Amino acid sequence: MKKRILCYGDSNTFGYMPAGMGERYGEAVRWPMKLQELLGSEYQIIEEGCSGRTTDLDGDIPWKNGRAFLKTALHSHKPLDMIILMLGTNDLKECFQRDAVQIAKAAGNLISDAQEYFNEKKLAQPLIILVSPVWIRESIVNGPFGDEFTMRSVRESQKFANAYERISREKNVLFFNAAEHAQASDTDGLHLDGDAHIRLAGALNIFIKEQL
């Protein structure tokens, strides 16, 4: 039976093209589908990326609350062998006034929710990889998202790895630092370009095969 992996994230999981006005990279580029190609036929990747998704914040668009939708996604896609969770970047919007530690704790709540769900359903617990997102780049303040993110957002994104790694230890899940392998495009300071998608997929491929 194929090993099923849910990729749960935001626009960088969706494959949003930098400054692309919502356009999406094709399957040959975006990292979940590139990861599918690298892992091979024994694995099944399930893409669940939503542009603008937060960890657990409603903002002015409640359906982008990642925590509110998580159990629905788990119920739809069970059974699962692994969950790759990469959220938090949108929590750095200035309107939310969150720091990296607060965001990591919110991501930890999603992990707890997932673990609780599989316990309730008496299903095997999937391995969970908590991914700290890539850094936001300084160029964001002069780009199309400059009205939402500030230099404070840039600085806090650089603290993600330490905060996320601490939460991963607390929750007894795996940790992966995306910023060690990819960076946001200078075009908009927020989204991965095609090369970054491919690099991220390559690094996750190696990491996953070591775990599974």
Protein backbone atom coordinates (compact mmCIF):
# COMPACT_ATOMS: atom_id res chain seq x y z
CA MET A 1 0.00 0.00 0.00
CA LYS A 2 1.28 3.46 -0.84
CA LYS A 3 2.56 5.67 1.96
CA ARG A 4 0.24 8.67 2.09
CA ILE A 5 1.65 12.11 2.89
CA LEU A 6 -0.49 15.19 3.49
CA CYS A 7 1.22 18.52 2.71
CA TYR A 8 -0.69 21.12 4.72
CA GLY A 9 0.34 24.71 4.17
CA ASP A 10 -0.23 28.11 2.65
CA SER A 11 0.61 29.76 -0.68
CA ASN A 12 4.12 28.31 -0.76
CA THR A 13 2.55 24.84 -0.63
CA PHE A 14 -0.11 25.87 -3.14
CA GLY A 15 2.64 26.97 -5.52
CA TYR A 16 1.84 30.69 -5.80
CA MET A 17 4.14 32.31 -8.35
CA PRO A 18 6.06 35.36 -7.00
CA ALA A 19 4.08 38.47 -7.96
CA GLY A 20 1.99 36.19 -10.14
CA MET A 21 -1.40 37.68 -9.23
CA GLY A 22 -2.56 34.30 -7.94
CA GLU A 23 -1.12 32.20 -10.75
CA ARG A 24 0.13 28.76 -9.76
CA TYR A 25 3.18 26.80 -10.79
CA GLY A 26 2.50 23.56 -12.65
CA GLU A 27 2.95 20.10 -11.22
CA ALA A 28 6.47 19.80 -12.62
CA VAL A 29 7.60 22.68 -10.39
CA ARG A 30 5.66 23.08 -7.16
CA TRP A 31 7.37 21.28 -4.32
CA PRO A 32 4.66 18.76 -3.25
CA MET A 33 4.35 17.36 -6.77
CA LYS A 34 8.10 17.48 -7.33
CA LEU A 35 8.41 15.57 -4.06
CA GLN A 36 5.93 13.01 -5.42
CA GLU A 37 8.14 12.54 -8.46
CA LEU A 38 11.27 12.09 -6.34
CA LEU A 39 9.71 9.74 -3.81
CA GLY A 40 8.29 7.50 -6.50
CA SER A 41 5.25 5.31 -6.94
CA GLU A 42 5.37 3.86 -3.42
CA TYR A 43 4.23 7.22 -2.06
CA GLN A 44 1.13 9.36 -2.58
CA ILE A 45 1.37 13.09 -1.97
CA ILE A 46 -1.82 14.94 -1.07
CA GLU A 47 -1.59 18.69 -1.72
CA GLU A 48 -3.45 20.90 0.73
CA GLY A 49 -2.07 24.39 0.20
CA CYS A 50 -4.25 27.49 0.54
CA SER A 51 -2.99 30.98 -0.20
CA GLY A 52 -3.33 33.23 2.83
CA ARG A 53 -3.81 30.35 5.28
CA THR A 54 -2.77 31.13 8.86
CA THR A 55 -2.10 28.76 11.74
CA ASP A 56 -5.24 29.58 13.71
CA LEU A 57 -6.30 33.15 12.91
CA ASP A 58 -9.51 34.19 11.19
CA GLY A 59 -8.61 37.70 10.13
CA ASP A 60 -11.17 38.99 7.64
CA ILE A 61 -11.35 35.60 5.87
CA PRO A 62 -12.28 32.92 8.45
CA TRP A 63 -12.00 30.00 6.01
CA LYS A 64 -8.25 30.63 5.79
CA ASN A 65 -7.87 29.59 9.44
CA GLY A 66 -5.63 26.52 9.24
CA ARG A 67 -6.66 25.10 12.58
CA ALA A 68 -10.36 25.36 11.80
CA PHE A 69 -9.97 23.30 8.62
CA LEU A 70 -7.30 20.82 9.74
CA LYS A 71 -9.53 18.04 11.12
CA THR A 72 -11.74 18.25 8.02
CA ALA A 73 -8.65 17.66 5.89
CA LEU A 74 -7.49 14.79 8.09
CA HIS A 75 -10.91 13.16 7.95
CA SER A 76 -11.06 13.54 4.17
CA HIS A 77 -7.62 12.09 3.52
CA LYS A 78 -7.19 9.36 6.14
CA PRO A 79 -5.35 7.06 6.49
CA LEU A 80 -2.11 9.03 6.54
CA ASP A 81 1.46 7.94 7.13
CA MET A 82 2.87 11.45 7.40
CA ILE A 83 1.81 15.08 7.68
CA ILE A 84 4.08 17.89 6.51
CA LEU A 85 2.92 21.05 8.27
CA MET A 86 4.32 24.36 6.96
CA LEU A 87 2.35 27.35 8.21
CA GLY A 88 3.10 30.60 9.97
CA THR A 89 4.21 33.10 7.36
CA ASN A 90 0.78 34.73 7.05
CA ASP A 91 0.62 35.11 10.83
CA LEU A 92 3.39 37.70 10.40
CA LYS A 93 1.06 40.14 8.69
CA GLU A 94 1.16 43.41 10.56
CA CYS A 95 -2.56 43.27 11.33
CA PHE A 96 -2.00 40.22 13.57
CA GLN A 97 0.97 41.57 15.58
CA ARG A 98 2.34 38.09 16.31
CA ASP A 99 5.94 37.14 16.96
CA ALA A 100 7.75 33.93 16.05
CA VAL A 101 7.28 32.34 19.48
CA GLN A 102 3.53 32.94 19.45
CA ILE A 103 3.26 31.56 15.93
CA ALA A 104 5.25 28.44 16.80
CA LYS A 105 2.94 27.80 19.75
CA ALA A 106 -0.04 28.12 17.41
CA ALA A 107 1.54 25.60 15.05
CA GLY A 108 1.97 23.34 18.05
CA ASN A 109 -1.76 23.49 18.66
CA LEU A 110 -2.37 22.12 15.16
CA ILE A 111 -0.03 19.24 15.96
CA SER A 112 -1.99 18.51 19.14
CA ASP A 113 -5.25 18.63 17.20
CA ALA A 114 -3.92 16.14 14.65
CA GLN A 115 -2.69 13.77 17.35
CA GLU A 116 -6.02 14.06 19.15
CA TYR A 117 -7.95 13.30 15.95
CA PHE A 118 -6.07 10.05 15.26
CA ASN A 119 -6.45 8.98 18.88
CA GLU A 120 -10.19 9.63 18.75
CA LYS A 121 -10.53 7.59 15.55
CA LYS A 122 -8.28 4.84 16.96
CA LEU A 123 -6.02 5.15 13.92
CA ALA A 124 -2.26 4.85 13.77
CA GLN A 125 -0.54 8.16 14.41
CA PRO A 126 1.16 9.51 11.28
CA LEU A 127 4.63 10.93 11.53
CA ILE A 128 4.45 14.72 11.61
CA ILE A 129 7.10 17.03 10.19
CA LEU A 130 6.88 20.57 11.52
CA VAL A 131 8.52 22.78 8.89
CA SER A 132 9.71 26.26 9.81
CA PRO A 133 8.98 28.44 6.76
CA VAL A 134 11.52 30.30 4.66
CA TRP A 135 12.42 33.83 5.68
CA ILE A 136 10.53 36.82 4.37
CA ARG A 137 12.95 39.05 2.44
CA GLU A 138 13.45 42.78 2.88
CA SER A 139 12.24 43.40 -0.65
CA ILE A 140 8.70 42.65 0.51
CA VAL A 141 8.19 46.21 1.76
CA ASN A 142 8.55 47.57 -1.78
CA GLY A 143 6.51 44.85 -3.49
CA PRO A 144 2.85 43.93 -3.89
CA PHE A 145 2.58 42.67 -0.29
CA GLY A 146 4.25 45.67 1.32
CA ASP A 147 0.95 46.90 2.70
CA GLU A 148 0.60 43.70 4.76
CA PHE A 149 4.14 42.83 5.86
CA THR A 150 6.80 45.10 7.37
CA MET A 151 10.44 44.91 8.42
CA ARG A 152 9.17 43.54 11.73
CA SER A 153 7.75 40.61 9.77
CA VAL A 154 11.14 40.09 8.12
CA ARG A 155 12.95 40.01 11.47
CA GLU A 156 10.45 37.66 13.10
CA SER A 157 10.59 35.22 10.17
CA GLN A 158 14.30 34.82 10.86
CA LYS A 159 13.43 33.52 14.34
CA PHE A 160 11.10 30.80 13.07
CA ALA A 161 13.61 27.94 13.10
CA ASN A 162 14.56 28.21 16.78
CA ALA A 163 10.95 28.64 17.88
CA TYR A 164 9.63 25.81 15.71
CA GLU A 165 12.38 23.43 16.74
CA ARG A 166 11.50 23.95 20.41
CA ILE A 167 7.84 23.19 19.71
CA SER A 168 8.74 20.09 17.71
CA ARG A 169 10.65 18.74 20.71
CA GLU A 170 7.74 19.53 23.04
CA LYS A 171 5.27 17.74 20.75
CA ASN A 172 7.65 14.88 19.94
CA VAL A 173 7.47 15.41 16.17
CA LEU A 174 10.08 15.80 13.47
CA PHE A 175 11.56 19.19 12.60
CA PHE A 176 12.70 20.53 9.24
CA ASN A 177 14.10 24.00 8.55
CA ALA A 178 13.00 25.08 5.07
CA ALA A 179 15.21 28.18 5.22
CA GLU A 180 18.31 25.97 5.14
CA HIS A 181 17.37 24.79 1.66
CA ALA A 182 15.36 27.53 -0.04
CA GLN A 183 14.57 31.21 0.12
CA ALA A 184 11.76 33.47 -0.97
CA SER A 185 12.11 35.19 -4.33
CA ASP A 186 13.39 38.75 -4.32
CA THR A 187 10.55 39.52 -6.74
CA ASP A 188 7.97 39.78 -3.97
CA GLY A 189 9.99 38.78 -0.90
CA LEU A 190 7.43 36.16 0.10
CA HIS A 191 7.00 33.32 -2.36
CA LEU A 192 9.29 30.58 -3.62
CA ASP A 193 10.42 30.70 -7.22
CA GLY A 194 10.65 27.55 -9.34
CA ASP A 195 14.23 26.73 -8.38
CA ALA A 196 13.41 27.09 -4.67
CA HIS A 197 10.46 24.70 -5.02
CA ILE A 198 12.73 22.12 -6.59
CA ARG A 199 15.46 22.55 -3.95
CA LEU A 200 12.94 22.23 -1.14
CA ALA A 201 11.46 19.08 -2.67
CA GLY A 202 14.92 17.56 -3.03
CA ALA A 203 15.82 18.18 0.59
CA LEU A 204 12.48 16.85 1.87
CA ASN A 205 12.85 13.77 -0.31
CA ILE A 206 16.10 12.85 1.44
CA PHE A 207 14.68 13.67 4.88
CA ILE A 208 11.49 11.64 4.39
CA LYS A 209 13.26 8.57 3.09
CA GLU A 210 15.44 8.62 6.17
CA GLN A 211 12.30 8.66 8.35
CA LEU A 212 10.09 6.20 6.43
